[in-house]
Amino acid sequence: MILYTPLSQDDIFPPAKESYSNRHFVSYEGRSVYAEQAEDGSYQLLQLMSTDPQDFLNEKFTPGSILS
């Protein structure tokens, strides 16, 4: 079956809620970040939630970095 639509595949077939169970909003160095918890207990930064443009220039808040 071919489905012609402008929507993305995730909009039509949403992923299971279990895949998001290990993602949390946490505070890291005074900034709010959205991070995914790994099996060893560390966090991997997914998104920085900040209104300060200088925070986005800081290499510590690069998406994919491991938070200690």
N, C-alpha and C. Protein backbone atom coordinates (compact mmCIF):
# COMPACT_ATOMS: atom_id res chain seq x y z
N MET A 1 0.85 -1.18 0.00
CA MET A 1 0.00 0.00 0.00
C MET A 1 0.89 1.24 0.00
N ILE A 2 0.57 2.18 -0.84
CA ILE A 2 1.30 3.44 -0.92
C ILE A 2 0.42 4.52 -0.32
N LEU A 3 1.01 5.31 0.56
CA LEU A 3 0.27 6.37 1.24
C LEU A 3 0.87 7.71 0.82
N TYR A 4 0.13 8.49 0.07
CA TYR A 4 0.59 9.80 -0.38
C TYR A 4 0.08 10.85 0.61
N THR A 5 1.01 11.47 1.34
CA THR A 5 0.63 12.45 2.35
C THR A 5 1.80 13.39 2.62
N PRO A 6 1.53 14.63 2.99
CA PRO A 6 2.62 15.54 3.35
C PRO A 6 3.13 15.31 4.78
N LEU A 7 2.48 14.44 5.53
CA LEU A 7 2.89 14.17 6.91
C LEU A 7 4.09 13.25 6.95
N SER A 8 4.86 13.35 8.03
CA SER A 8 6.01 12.47 8.20
C SER A 8 5.54 11.10 8.66
N GLN A 9 6.42 10.14 8.57
CA GLN A 9 6.09 8.78 8.97
C GLN A 9 5.78 8.71 10.47
N ASP A 10 6.48 9.52 11.28
CA ASP A 10 6.23 9.52 12.73
C ASP A 10 4.86 10.09 13.08
N ASP A 11 4.33 10.99 12.24
CA ASP A 11 3.00 11.52 12.49
C ASP A 11 1.92 10.48 12.21
N ILE A 12 2.15 9.64 11.24
CA ILE A 12 1.17 8.61 10.88
C ILE A 12 1.29 7.38 11.77
N PHE A 13 2.54 6.95 11.99
CA PHE A 13 2.81 5.78 12.83
C PHE A 13 3.68 6.21 14.00
N PRO A 14 3.09 6.73 15.08
CA PRO A 14 3.90 7.23 16.20
C PRO A 14 4.68 6.10 16.87
N PRO A 15 5.88 6.41 17.36
CA PRO A 15 6.67 5.39 18.05
C PRO A 15 6.02 5.02 19.38
N ALA A 16 6.39 3.87 19.90
CA ALA A 16 5.84 3.40 21.17
C ALA A 16 6.28 4.30 22.31
N LYS A 17 5.44 4.45 23.31
CA LYS A 17 5.75 5.31 24.45
C LYS A 17 6.93 4.79 25.26
N GLU A 18 7.20 3.48 25.18
CA GLU A 18 8.30 2.91 25.93
C GLU A 18 9.65 3.45 25.45
N SER A 19 9.72 3.88 24.19
CA SER A 19 10.98 4.39 23.67
C SER A 19 11.34 5.75 24.27
N TYR A 20 10.37 6.42 24.90
CA TYR A 20 10.63 7.72 25.52
C TYR A 20 10.70 7.64 27.04
N SER A 21 10.61 6.46 27.61
CA SER A 21 10.55 6.33 29.06
C SER A 21 11.85 6.72 29.75
N ASN A 22 12.98 6.69 29.04
CA ASN A 22 14.25 7.03 29.67
C ASN A 22 14.72 8.45 29.33
N ARG A 23 13.83 9.29 28.84
CA ARG A 23 14.15 10.69 28.54
C ARG A 23 13.54 11.60 29.60
N HIS A 24 14.34 12.56 30.08
CA HIS A 24 13.91 13.41 31.19
C HIS A 24 14.40 14.84 30.99
N PHE A 25 13.69 15.77 31.61
CA PHE A 25 14.18 17.14 31.73
C PHE A 25 14.97 17.20 33.02
N VAL A 26 16.23 17.61 32.93
CA VAL A 26 17.09 17.69 34.10
C VAL A 26 17.78 19.05 34.11
N SER A 27 18.27 19.42 35.27
CA SER A 27 19.03 20.65 35.42
C SER A 27 20.51 20.31 35.42
N TYR A 28 21.27 20.96 34.53
CA TYR A 28 22.70 20.73 34.42
C TYR A 28 23.41 22.07 34.39
N GLU A 29 24.22 22.32 35.39
CA GLU A 29 24.95 23.59 35.55
C GLU A 29 24.01 24.79 35.47
N GLY A 30 22.86 24.67 36.09
CA GLY A 30 21.92 25.77 36.15
C GLY A 30 21.05 25.95 34.92
N ARG A 31 21.21 25.09 33.93
CA ARG A 31 20.39 25.17 32.71
C ARG A 31 19.48 23.95 32.64
N SER A 32 18.32 24.14 32.07
CA SER A 32 17.39 23.03 31.88
C SER A 32 17.71 22.36 30.55
N VAL A 33 17.90 21.04 30.60
CA VAL A 33 18.21 20.29 29.39
C VAL A 33 17.30 19.08 29.30
N TYR A 34 17.10 18.61 28.08
CA TYR A 34 16.34 17.39 27.82
C TYR A 34 17.38 16.33 27.52
N ALA A 35 17.42 15.28 28.33
CA ALA A 35 18.48 14.29 28.21
C ALA A 35 17.92 12.88 28.28
N GLU A 36 18.68 11.95 27.73
CA GLU A 36 18.31 10.54 27.73
C GLU A 36 19.25 9.80 28.68
N GLN A 37 18.66 9.03 29.59
CA GLN A 37 19.46 8.29 30.56
C GLN A 37 19.91 6.96 29.96
N ALA A 38 21.22 6.70 30.05
CA ALA A 38 21.79 5.46 29.53
C ALA A 38 21.67 4.37 30.59
N GLU A 39 22.00 3.15 30.20
CA GLU A 39 21.90 2.02 31.12
C GLU A 39 22.86 2.14 32.30
N ASP A 40 24.00 2.81 32.10
CA ASP A 40 24.97 2.96 33.18
C ASP A 40 24.65 4.12 34.13
N GLY A 41 23.56 4.84 33.88
CA GLY A 41 23.12 5.92 34.75
C GLY A 41 23.55 7.31 34.29
N SER A 42 24.41 7.39 33.28
CA SER A 42 24.81 8.70 32.77
C SER A 42 23.71 9.25 31.85
N TYR A 43 23.82 10.53 31.53
CA TYR A 43 22.84 11.18 30.67
C TYR A 43 23.52 11.67 29.40
N GLN A 44 22.82 11.55 28.27
CA GLN A 44 23.27 12.10 27.01
C GLN A 44 22.36 13.26 26.66
N LEU A 45 22.94 14.42 26.43
CA LEU A 45 22.17 15.62 26.15
C LEU A 45 21.50 15.53 24.78
N LEU A 46 20.21 15.78 24.75
CA LEU A 46 19.45 15.79 23.49
C LEU A 46 19.13 17.20 23.05
N GLN A 47 18.76 18.06 24.01
CA GLN A 47 18.32 19.41 23.65
C GLN A 47 18.55 20.35 24.83
N LEU A 48 19.04 21.53 24.54
CA LEU A 48 19.22 22.58 25.55
C LEU A 48 17.99 23.47 25.53
N MET A 49 17.40 23.68 26.70
CA MET A 49 16.22 24.53 26.81
C MET A 49 16.65 25.85 27.48
N SER A 50 17.01 26.83 26.69
CA SER A 50 17.52 28.08 27.23
C SER A 50 17.09 29.25 26.34
N THR A 51 16.98 30.41 26.94
CA THR A 51 16.69 31.62 26.18
C THR A 51 17.92 32.49 26.01
N ASP A 52 19.04 32.06 26.60
CA ASP A 52 20.29 32.82 26.50
C ASP A 52 21.10 32.33 25.30
N PRO A 53 21.33 33.17 24.30
CA PRO A 53 22.08 32.74 23.11
C PRO A 53 23.50 32.29 23.43
N GLN A 54 24.10 32.82 24.48
CA GLN A 54 25.47 32.44 24.84
C GLN A 54 25.55 30.98 25.29
N ASP A 55 24.47 30.44 25.83
CA ASP A 55 24.47 29.04 26.25
C ASP A 55 24.67 28.10 25.06
N PHE A 56 24.17 28.47 23.90
CA PHE A 56 24.27 27.62 22.72
C PHE A 56 25.68 27.64 22.13
N LEU A 57 26.51 28.61 22.52
CA LEU A 57 27.89 28.66 22.05
C LEU A 57 28.83 27.87 22.97
N ASN A 58 28.33 27.46 24.12
CA ASN A 58 29.13 26.70 25.08
C ASN A 58 29.19 25.24 24.62
N GLU A 59 30.41 24.69 24.49
CA GLU A 59 30.59 23.33 23.99
C GLU A 59 30.06 22.26 24.95
N LYS A 60 29.88 22.61 26.22
CA LYS A 60 29.35 21.65 27.18
C LYS A 60 27.90 21.27 26.86
N PHE A 61 27.19 22.13 26.15
CA PHE A 61 25.78 21.91 25.86
C PHE A 61 25.55 21.45 24.42
N THR A 62 26.55 20.86 23.80
CA THR A 62 26.41 20.33 22.45
C THR A 62 25.56 19.06 22.48
N PRO A 63 24.54 18.96 21.64
CA PRO A 63 23.73 17.74 21.61
C PRO A 63 24.60 16.51 21.36
N GLY A 64 24.34 15.48 22.15
CA GLY A 64 25.11 14.25 22.04
C GLY A 64 26.19 14.13 23.09
N SER A 65 26.50 15.24 23.78
CA SER A 65 27.54 15.16 24.80
C SER A 65 27.02 14.42 26.04
N ILE A 66 27.93 13.80 26.76
CA ILE A 66 27.59 13.05 27.97
C ILE A 66 27.69 13.98 29.17
N LEU A 67 26.64 14.01 29.96
CA LEU A 67 26.61 14.87 31.16
C LEU A 67 27.17 14.11 32.33
N SER A 68 28.08 14.74 33.06
CA SER A 68 28.67 14.09 34.22
C SER A 68 28.02 14.53 35.50
